[in-house]
N, C-alpha and C. Protein backbone atom coordinates (compact mmCIF):
# COMPACT_ATOMS: atom_id res chain seq x y z
N MET A 1 -21.36 51.76 -9.79
CA MET A 1 -22.04 50.49 -9.82
C MET A 1 -21.10 49.46 -10.45
N SER A 2 -20.87 48.36 -9.75
CA SER A 2 -19.98 47.34 -10.28
C SER A 2 -20.77 46.32 -11.07
N THR A 3 -20.09 45.71 -12.01
CA THR A 3 -20.76 44.69 -12.81
C THR A 3 -20.46 43.31 -12.23
N VAL A 4 -21.38 42.42 -12.42
CA VAL A 4 -21.19 41.05 -11.96
C VAL A 4 -20.30 40.34 -12.98
N PRO A 5 -19.22 39.72 -12.52
CA PRO A 5 -18.34 39.03 -13.48
C PRO A 5 -19.04 37.84 -14.11
N THR A 6 -18.63 37.54 -15.32
CA THR A 6 -19.16 36.38 -16.03
C THR A 6 -18.43 35.14 -15.53
N LEU A 7 -19.18 34.09 -15.21
CA LEU A 7 -18.56 32.84 -14.80
C LEU A 7 -17.96 32.18 -16.03
N ASN A 8 -16.64 32.07 -16.03
CA ASN A 8 -15.94 31.43 -17.14
C ASN A 8 -14.61 30.88 -16.64
N GLY A 9 -13.87 30.25 -17.51
CA GLY A 9 -12.60 29.65 -17.14
C GLY A 9 -11.60 30.64 -16.58
N GLN A 10 -11.63 31.86 -17.08
CA GLN A 10 -10.68 32.87 -16.58
C GLN A 10 -10.96 33.21 -15.12
N VAL A 11 -12.21 33.42 -14.78
CA VAL A 11 -12.58 33.75 -13.40
C VAL A 11 -12.26 32.57 -12.48
N ILE A 12 -12.61 31.37 -12.92
CA ILE A 12 -12.32 30.18 -12.12
C ILE A 12 -10.81 30.00 -11.96
N GLY A 13 -10.07 30.17 -13.05
CA GLY A 13 -8.62 30.03 -13.01
C GLY A 13 -7.95 31.04 -12.10
N GLN A 14 -8.43 32.29 -12.14
CA GLN A 14 -7.85 33.32 -11.27
C GLN A 14 -8.06 32.96 -9.80
N ALA A 15 -9.23 32.46 -9.47
CA ALA A 15 -9.50 32.04 -8.08
C ALA A 15 -8.59 30.87 -7.70
N HIS A 16 -8.46 29.92 -8.61
CA HIS A 16 -7.61 28.76 -8.35
C HIS A 16 -6.16 29.17 -8.12
N TYR A 17 -5.62 29.95 -9.02
CA TYR A 17 -4.20 30.30 -8.91
C TYR A 17 -3.90 31.21 -7.72
N ALA A 18 -4.82 32.11 -7.40
CA ALA A 18 -4.61 32.96 -6.22
C ALA A 18 -4.63 32.12 -4.95
N THR A 19 -5.60 31.20 -4.88
CA THR A 19 -5.70 30.33 -3.70
C THR A 19 -4.51 29.39 -3.63
N ARG A 20 -4.11 28.85 -4.77
CA ARG A 20 -2.96 27.93 -4.79
C ARG A 20 -1.69 28.65 -4.35
N ALA A 21 -1.51 29.90 -4.78
CA ALA A 21 -0.32 30.66 -4.37
C ALA A 21 -0.29 30.83 -2.86
N LEU A 22 -1.44 31.10 -2.27
CA LEU A 22 -1.50 31.22 -0.80
C LEU A 22 -1.21 29.88 -0.13
N LEU A 23 -1.75 28.81 -0.68
CA LEU A 23 -1.50 27.48 -0.12
C LEU A 23 -0.02 27.12 -0.23
N GLU A 24 0.58 27.38 -1.38
CA GLU A 24 2.00 27.07 -1.55
C GLU A 24 2.85 27.87 -0.56
N ARG A 25 2.45 29.08 -0.29
CA ARG A 25 3.17 29.89 0.71
C ARG A 25 3.02 29.26 2.10
N ALA A 26 1.83 28.73 2.38
CA ALA A 26 1.59 28.13 3.70
C ALA A 26 2.31 26.81 3.88
N ILE A 27 2.42 26.01 2.81
CA ILE A 27 3.04 24.69 2.93
C ILE A 27 4.54 24.73 2.69
N GLY A 28 5.05 25.82 2.16
CA GLY A 28 6.49 25.93 1.90
C GLY A 28 7.35 25.57 3.10
N PRO A 29 7.04 26.14 4.28
CA PRO A 29 7.85 25.80 5.46
C PRO A 29 7.78 24.33 5.86
N LEU A 30 6.77 23.61 5.38
CA LEU A 30 6.65 22.19 5.70
C LEU A 30 7.54 21.34 4.79
N GLY A 31 8.11 21.96 3.75
CA GLY A 31 9.02 21.25 2.86
C GLY A 31 8.33 20.38 1.82
N VAL A 32 7.07 20.68 1.51
CA VAL A 32 6.35 19.92 0.50
C VAL A 32 5.81 20.85 -0.58
N THR A 33 5.60 20.27 -1.75
CA THR A 33 5.04 21.01 -2.88
C THR A 33 3.54 20.75 -2.98
N PHE A 34 2.88 21.51 -3.81
CA PHE A 34 1.45 21.32 -4.03
C PHE A 34 1.17 19.90 -4.52
N ASN A 35 1.92 19.43 -5.51
CA ASN A 35 1.69 18.08 -6.04
C ASN A 35 1.91 17.02 -4.96
N GLN A 36 2.89 17.22 -4.10
CA GLN A 36 3.13 16.28 -3.02
C GLN A 36 1.97 16.29 -2.03
N VAL A 37 1.37 17.45 -1.81
CA VAL A 37 0.22 17.55 -0.91
C VAL A 37 -0.94 16.72 -1.43
N VAL A 38 -1.17 16.75 -2.74
CA VAL A 38 -2.25 15.94 -3.32
C VAL A 38 -1.99 14.46 -3.07
N ALA A 39 -0.75 14.02 -3.25
CA ALA A 39 -0.41 12.61 -3.00
C ALA A 39 -0.51 12.28 -1.51
N LEU A 40 -0.07 13.19 -0.65
CA LEU A 40 -0.18 12.97 0.80
C LEU A 40 -1.64 12.80 1.20
N HIS A 41 -2.50 13.63 0.63
CA HIS A 41 -3.93 13.54 0.95
C HIS A 41 -4.48 12.18 0.55
N ALA A 42 -4.09 11.70 -0.61
CA ALA A 42 -4.56 10.38 -1.06
C ALA A 42 -4.04 9.29 -0.13
N LEU A 43 -2.80 9.39 0.29
CA LEU A 43 -2.21 8.39 1.19
C LEU A 43 -2.79 8.47 2.60
N ALA A 44 -3.32 9.61 2.98
CA ALA A 44 -3.90 9.77 4.31
C ALA A 44 -5.15 8.91 4.48
N GLN A 45 -5.73 8.46 3.37
CA GLN A 45 -6.92 7.60 3.43
C GLN A 45 -6.54 6.17 3.81
N GLY A 46 -5.26 5.85 3.77
CA GLY A 46 -4.78 4.51 4.10
C GLY A 46 -3.84 4.00 3.03
N PRO A 47 -3.17 2.88 3.29
CA PRO A 47 -2.23 2.34 2.30
C PRO A 47 -2.92 2.10 0.96
N VAL A 48 -2.17 2.32 -0.10
CA VAL A 48 -2.73 2.19 -1.45
C VAL A 48 -1.64 1.65 -2.37
N GLU A 49 -2.06 0.88 -3.36
CA GLU A 49 -1.10 0.39 -4.36
C GLU A 49 -0.56 1.58 -5.14
N ARG A 50 0.72 1.48 -5.48
CA ARG A 50 1.39 2.56 -6.22
C ARG A 50 0.64 2.89 -7.50
N ALA A 51 0.18 1.87 -8.23
CA ALA A 51 -0.52 2.12 -9.49
C ALA A 51 -1.82 2.90 -9.26
N HIS A 52 -2.55 2.56 -8.19
CA HIS A 52 -3.79 3.27 -7.89
C HIS A 52 -3.49 4.71 -7.48
N LEU A 53 -2.46 4.90 -6.66
CA LEU A 53 -2.09 6.25 -6.26
C LEU A 53 -1.69 7.08 -7.47
N THR A 54 -0.91 6.49 -8.36
CA THR A 54 -0.49 7.19 -9.57
C THR A 54 -1.70 7.60 -10.40
N GLN A 55 -2.66 6.70 -10.56
CA GLN A 55 -3.86 7.02 -11.33
C GLN A 55 -4.65 8.14 -10.66
N ARG A 56 -4.79 8.06 -9.34
CA ARG A 56 -5.58 9.07 -8.63
C ARG A 56 -4.95 10.46 -8.75
N VAL A 57 -3.64 10.55 -8.55
CA VAL A 57 -2.97 11.85 -8.62
C VAL A 57 -2.95 12.36 -10.06
N THR A 58 -2.74 11.45 -11.02
CA THR A 58 -2.76 11.84 -12.43
C THR A 58 -4.11 12.45 -12.81
N SER A 59 -5.18 11.80 -12.38
CA SER A 59 -6.51 12.31 -12.74
C SER A 59 -6.86 13.59 -12.00
N THR A 60 -6.33 13.76 -10.80
CA THR A 60 -6.61 14.98 -10.05
C THR A 60 -5.85 16.17 -10.62
N LEU A 61 -4.55 15.99 -10.85
CA LEU A 61 -3.70 17.10 -11.27
C LEU A 61 -3.61 17.27 -12.78
N LYS A 62 -4.06 16.28 -13.53
CA LYS A 62 -3.98 16.31 -14.99
C LYS A 62 -2.51 16.42 -15.43
N ILE A 63 -1.65 15.62 -14.79
CA ILE A 63 -0.25 15.53 -15.18
C ILE A 63 0.03 14.10 -15.57
N ASP A 64 1.16 13.88 -16.25
CA ASP A 64 1.44 12.53 -16.74
C ASP A 64 2.02 11.62 -15.66
N GLU A 65 1.98 10.33 -15.94
CA GLU A 65 2.41 9.33 -14.96
C GLU A 65 3.86 9.49 -14.52
N PRO A 66 4.81 9.78 -15.44
CA PRO A 66 6.19 9.96 -14.96
C PRO A 66 6.32 11.09 -13.94
N ALA A 67 5.55 12.15 -14.10
CA ALA A 67 5.60 13.26 -13.14
C ALA A 67 5.06 12.80 -11.79
N VAL A 68 4.01 11.99 -11.79
CA VAL A 68 3.43 11.50 -10.53
C VAL A 68 4.40 10.53 -9.87
N ARG A 69 5.02 9.65 -10.66
CA ARG A 69 6.00 8.72 -10.08
C ARG A 69 7.13 9.49 -9.41
N GLN A 70 7.53 10.61 -10.01
CA GLN A 70 8.58 11.44 -9.42
C GLN A 70 8.11 12.02 -8.08
N VAL A 71 6.87 12.49 -8.03
CA VAL A 71 6.30 13.03 -6.79
C VAL A 71 6.29 11.95 -5.70
N VAL A 72 5.85 10.76 -6.05
CA VAL A 72 5.79 9.66 -5.08
C VAL A 72 7.20 9.31 -4.60
N ASP A 73 8.14 9.23 -5.53
CA ASP A 73 9.53 8.94 -5.16
C ASP A 73 10.07 10.01 -4.21
N GLN A 74 9.71 11.27 -4.45
CA GLN A 74 10.15 12.36 -3.56
C GLN A 74 9.60 12.17 -2.15
N LEU A 75 8.34 11.75 -2.06
CA LEU A 75 7.74 11.51 -0.74
C LEU A 75 8.46 10.38 0.00
N VAL A 76 8.79 9.32 -0.73
CA VAL A 76 9.52 8.20 -0.12
C VAL A 76 10.92 8.66 0.29
N ASP A 77 11.62 9.36 -0.61
CA ASP A 77 12.98 9.83 -0.31
C ASP A 77 13.01 10.77 0.89
N ALA A 78 11.93 11.56 1.07
CA ALA A 78 11.86 12.52 2.17
C ALA A 78 11.41 11.87 3.48
N GLY A 79 11.08 10.58 3.41
CA GLY A 79 10.64 9.88 4.62
C GLY A 79 9.19 10.17 5.00
N LEU A 80 8.42 10.68 4.06
CA LEU A 80 7.01 10.97 4.32
C LEU A 80 6.11 9.80 3.97
N ALA A 81 6.58 8.95 3.08
CA ALA A 81 5.85 7.75 2.68
C ALA A 81 6.82 6.58 2.64
N GLN A 82 6.26 5.39 2.76
CA GLN A 82 7.10 4.20 2.71
C GLN A 82 6.42 3.13 1.87
N VAL A 83 7.24 2.25 1.33
CA VAL A 83 6.75 1.14 0.55
C VAL A 83 6.56 -0.03 1.51
N ASP A 84 5.37 -0.60 1.50
CA ASP A 84 5.06 -1.77 2.32
C ASP A 84 4.97 -2.99 1.42
N GLY A 85 5.35 -4.11 1.92
CA GLY A 85 5.21 -5.36 1.18
C GLY A 85 6.43 -5.69 0.37
N PRO A 86 6.34 -6.80 -0.36
CA PRO A 86 7.50 -7.26 -1.14
C PRO A 86 7.82 -6.30 -2.27
N SER A 87 9.08 -6.26 -2.64
CA SER A 87 9.50 -5.36 -3.72
C SER A 87 8.98 -5.89 -5.05
N GLY A 88 8.79 -4.97 -5.96
CA GLY A 88 8.41 -5.36 -7.31
C GLY A 88 7.13 -4.74 -7.80
N GLY A 89 7.27 -3.84 -8.78
CA GLY A 89 6.13 -3.36 -9.54
C GLY A 89 5.21 -2.39 -8.84
N ASP A 90 4.13 -2.11 -9.53
CA ASP A 90 3.15 -1.13 -9.06
C ASP A 90 2.16 -1.73 -8.08
N GLU A 91 2.28 -3.02 -7.75
CA GLU A 91 1.37 -3.65 -6.80
C GLU A 91 1.78 -3.36 -5.37
N ARG A 92 2.97 -2.82 -5.17
CA ARG A 92 3.42 -2.53 -3.81
C ARG A 92 2.53 -1.47 -3.18
N GLN A 93 2.31 -1.63 -1.89
CA GLN A 93 1.50 -0.67 -1.14
C GLN A 93 2.38 0.49 -0.67
N LEU A 94 1.84 1.67 -0.76
CA LEU A 94 2.49 2.86 -0.21
C LEU A 94 1.67 3.32 0.98
N ALA A 95 2.34 3.81 2.00
CA ALA A 95 1.66 4.31 3.19
C ALA A 95 2.43 5.48 3.74
N LEU A 96 1.74 6.33 4.49
CA LEU A 96 2.40 7.43 5.16
C LEU A 96 3.24 6.91 6.32
N THR A 97 4.36 7.57 6.54
CA THR A 97 5.15 7.32 7.74
C THR A 97 4.58 8.20 8.85
N ASP A 98 5.10 8.07 10.05
CA ASP A 98 4.67 8.96 11.14
C ASP A 98 4.95 10.41 10.77
N THR A 99 6.09 10.66 10.17
CA THR A 99 6.44 12.02 9.73
C THR A 99 5.47 12.49 8.64
N GLY A 100 5.13 11.58 7.74
CA GLY A 100 4.18 11.91 6.68
C GLY A 100 2.80 12.25 7.23
N ARG A 101 2.36 11.48 8.24
CA ARG A 101 1.06 11.78 8.87
C ARG A 101 1.09 13.14 9.56
N ALA A 102 2.18 13.45 10.25
CA ALA A 102 2.29 14.74 10.93
C ALA A 102 2.31 15.88 9.91
N THR A 103 3.02 15.67 8.81
CA THR A 103 3.06 16.70 7.76
C THR A 103 1.69 16.88 7.14
N GLN A 104 1.01 15.79 6.88
CA GLN A 104 -0.33 15.87 6.29
C GLN A 104 -1.29 16.59 7.23
N ARG A 105 -1.19 16.32 8.53
CA ARG A 105 -2.05 17.03 9.50
C ARG A 105 -1.74 18.52 9.49
N SER A 106 -0.48 18.88 9.35
CA SER A 106 -0.10 20.30 9.28
C SER A 106 -0.66 20.95 8.02
N VAL A 107 -0.67 20.21 6.92
CA VAL A 107 -1.25 20.72 5.67
C VAL A 107 -2.75 20.94 5.85
N VAL A 108 -3.43 19.97 6.45
CA VAL A 108 -4.88 20.09 6.68
C VAL A 108 -5.16 21.32 7.54
N ALA A 109 -4.35 21.56 8.55
CA ALA A 109 -4.54 22.74 9.41
C ALA A 109 -4.32 24.03 8.62
N ALA A 110 -3.30 24.04 7.76
CA ALA A 110 -3.03 25.23 6.94
C ALA A 110 -4.18 25.50 5.97
N VAL A 111 -4.72 24.44 5.37
CA VAL A 111 -5.86 24.59 4.45
C VAL A 111 -7.08 25.09 5.21
N ALA A 112 -7.33 24.55 6.39
CA ALA A 112 -8.48 24.99 7.18
C ALA A 112 -8.36 26.46 7.55
N ASP A 113 -7.17 26.88 7.94
CA ASP A 113 -6.93 28.29 8.29
C ASP A 113 -7.15 29.19 7.07
N LEU A 114 -6.60 28.78 5.94
CA LEU A 114 -6.74 29.56 4.71
C LEU A 114 -8.21 29.62 4.29
N SER A 115 -8.89 28.50 4.34
CA SER A 115 -10.32 28.47 3.96
C SER A 115 -11.15 29.35 4.87
N ALA A 116 -10.85 29.32 6.16
CA ALA A 116 -11.60 30.15 7.11
C ALA A 116 -11.46 31.63 6.75
N ARG A 117 -10.28 32.04 6.35
CA ARG A 117 -10.07 33.45 5.99
C ARG A 117 -10.74 33.80 4.66
N LEU A 118 -10.59 32.93 3.67
CA LEU A 118 -11.08 33.26 2.33
C LEU A 118 -12.60 33.16 2.20
N TYR A 119 -13.22 32.23 2.92
CA TYR A 119 -14.65 31.99 2.77
C TYR A 119 -15.47 32.52 3.95
N ALA A 120 -14.84 33.28 4.82
CA ALA A 120 -15.44 33.67 6.10
C ALA A 120 -16.83 34.28 5.99
N ASP A 121 -17.05 35.21 5.11
CA ASP A 121 -18.33 35.92 5.11
C ASP A 121 -19.19 35.60 3.90
N ILE A 122 -18.89 34.50 3.23
CA ILE A 122 -19.72 34.10 2.09
C ILE A 122 -20.91 33.32 2.64
N PRO A 123 -22.13 33.78 2.34
CA PRO A 123 -23.32 33.06 2.85
C PRO A 123 -23.31 31.60 2.40
N SER A 124 -23.75 30.72 3.28
CA SER A 124 -23.68 29.28 3.00
C SER A 124 -24.47 28.89 1.75
N ASP A 125 -25.59 29.55 1.49
CA ASP A 125 -26.35 29.19 0.28
C ASP A 125 -25.58 29.57 -0.98
N GLU A 126 -24.88 30.69 -0.96
CA GLU A 126 -24.07 31.09 -2.12
C GLU A 126 -22.86 30.17 -2.28
N ALA A 127 -22.23 29.81 -1.17
CA ALA A 127 -21.10 28.89 -1.23
C ALA A 127 -21.56 27.53 -1.76
N GLY A 128 -22.72 27.08 -1.35
CA GLY A 128 -23.26 25.82 -1.83
C GLY A 128 -23.54 25.85 -3.32
N THR A 129 -24.11 26.97 -3.79
CA THR A 129 -24.37 27.11 -5.22
C THR A 129 -23.06 27.10 -6.00
N ALA A 130 -22.08 27.84 -5.52
CA ALA A 130 -20.78 27.88 -6.19
C ALA A 130 -20.16 26.48 -6.24
N ALA A 131 -20.24 25.74 -5.15
CA ALA A 131 -19.68 24.38 -5.11
C ALA A 131 -20.38 23.48 -6.12
N ARG A 132 -21.69 23.58 -6.21
CA ARG A 132 -22.43 22.75 -7.17
C ARG A 132 -22.06 23.10 -8.60
N VAL A 133 -21.94 24.39 -8.90
CA VAL A 133 -21.60 24.82 -10.26
C VAL A 133 -20.19 24.36 -10.61
N LEU A 134 -19.24 24.56 -9.72
CA LEU A 134 -17.86 24.17 -10.01
C LEU A 134 -17.72 22.66 -10.12
N THR A 135 -18.46 21.91 -9.33
CA THR A 135 -18.45 20.45 -9.45
C THR A 135 -18.98 20.02 -10.80
N LEU A 136 -20.04 20.65 -11.26
CA LEU A 136 -20.61 20.33 -12.57
C LEU A 136 -19.63 20.68 -13.69
N VAL A 137 -18.99 21.83 -13.60
CA VAL A 137 -18.01 22.22 -14.62
C VAL A 137 -16.86 21.22 -14.64
N THR A 138 -16.40 20.80 -13.47
CA THR A 138 -15.32 19.82 -13.39
C THR A 138 -15.75 18.49 -14.01
N GLU A 139 -16.95 18.02 -13.69
CA GLU A 139 -17.45 16.77 -14.27
C GLU A 139 -17.51 16.86 -15.79
N ARG A 140 -17.99 17.97 -16.32
CA ARG A 140 -18.09 18.12 -17.78
C ARG A 140 -16.71 18.17 -18.42
N ALA A 141 -15.80 18.90 -17.81
CA ALA A 141 -14.44 18.98 -18.36
C ALA A 141 -13.77 17.61 -18.33
N ASN A 142 -13.93 16.87 -17.23
CA ASN A 142 -13.35 15.54 -17.13
C ASN A 142 -13.95 14.59 -18.18
N ALA A 143 -15.25 14.72 -18.43
CA ALA A 143 -15.90 13.88 -19.44
C ALA A 143 -15.33 14.19 -20.83
N GLU A 144 -15.11 15.46 -21.12
CA GLU A 144 -14.53 15.82 -22.40
C GLU A 144 -13.09 15.33 -22.53
N LEU A 145 -12.33 15.44 -21.44
CA LEU A 145 -10.96 14.94 -21.46
C LEU A 145 -10.93 13.44 -21.71
N ALA A 146 -11.87 12.72 -21.12
CA ALA A 146 -11.91 11.26 -21.30
C ALA A 146 -12.36 10.88 -22.71
N ALA A 147 -13.20 11.70 -23.32
CA ALA A 147 -13.76 11.38 -24.63
C ALA A 147 -12.80 11.70 -25.77
N VAL A 148 -11.90 12.63 -25.57
CA VAL A 148 -11.01 13.07 -26.64
C VAL A 148 -9.58 12.73 -26.26
N PRO A 149 -8.94 11.83 -27.01
CA PRO A 149 -7.55 11.49 -26.67
C PRO A 149 -6.63 12.71 -26.77
N ALA A 150 -5.61 12.71 -25.93
CA ALA A 150 -4.67 13.85 -25.90
C ALA A 150 -3.89 13.95 -27.19
């Protein structure tokens, strides 16, 4: 008889890291990193000011602004994103290039394939419950991070 695992940070973290390792393996041939994928996803919504993109990726990945600026610069250097508008400051718009859009579509396909394999036989009501619980845990953790300075 197996025991039901306790829902805690260790169980959540193990699922995250195992899934992330599979995703990194899938996106490796595309020449992008996990952090770059997060920025590509944000840019896929349409052009965005550099400052807003930096804030969005910082809050998603919980990394500092210089690390995000490096990720964005890598995307521009690789020809996946471009700076639109006049030069100067964080007000400049960033947008995906055609190559960036194609790469982002390939990432979406890889994620869909991975998700189909990993979640294939999980009943929808259980998956929904898990999604609600994890969303709540994320909201609470984010609230604590915002309330307590680093």
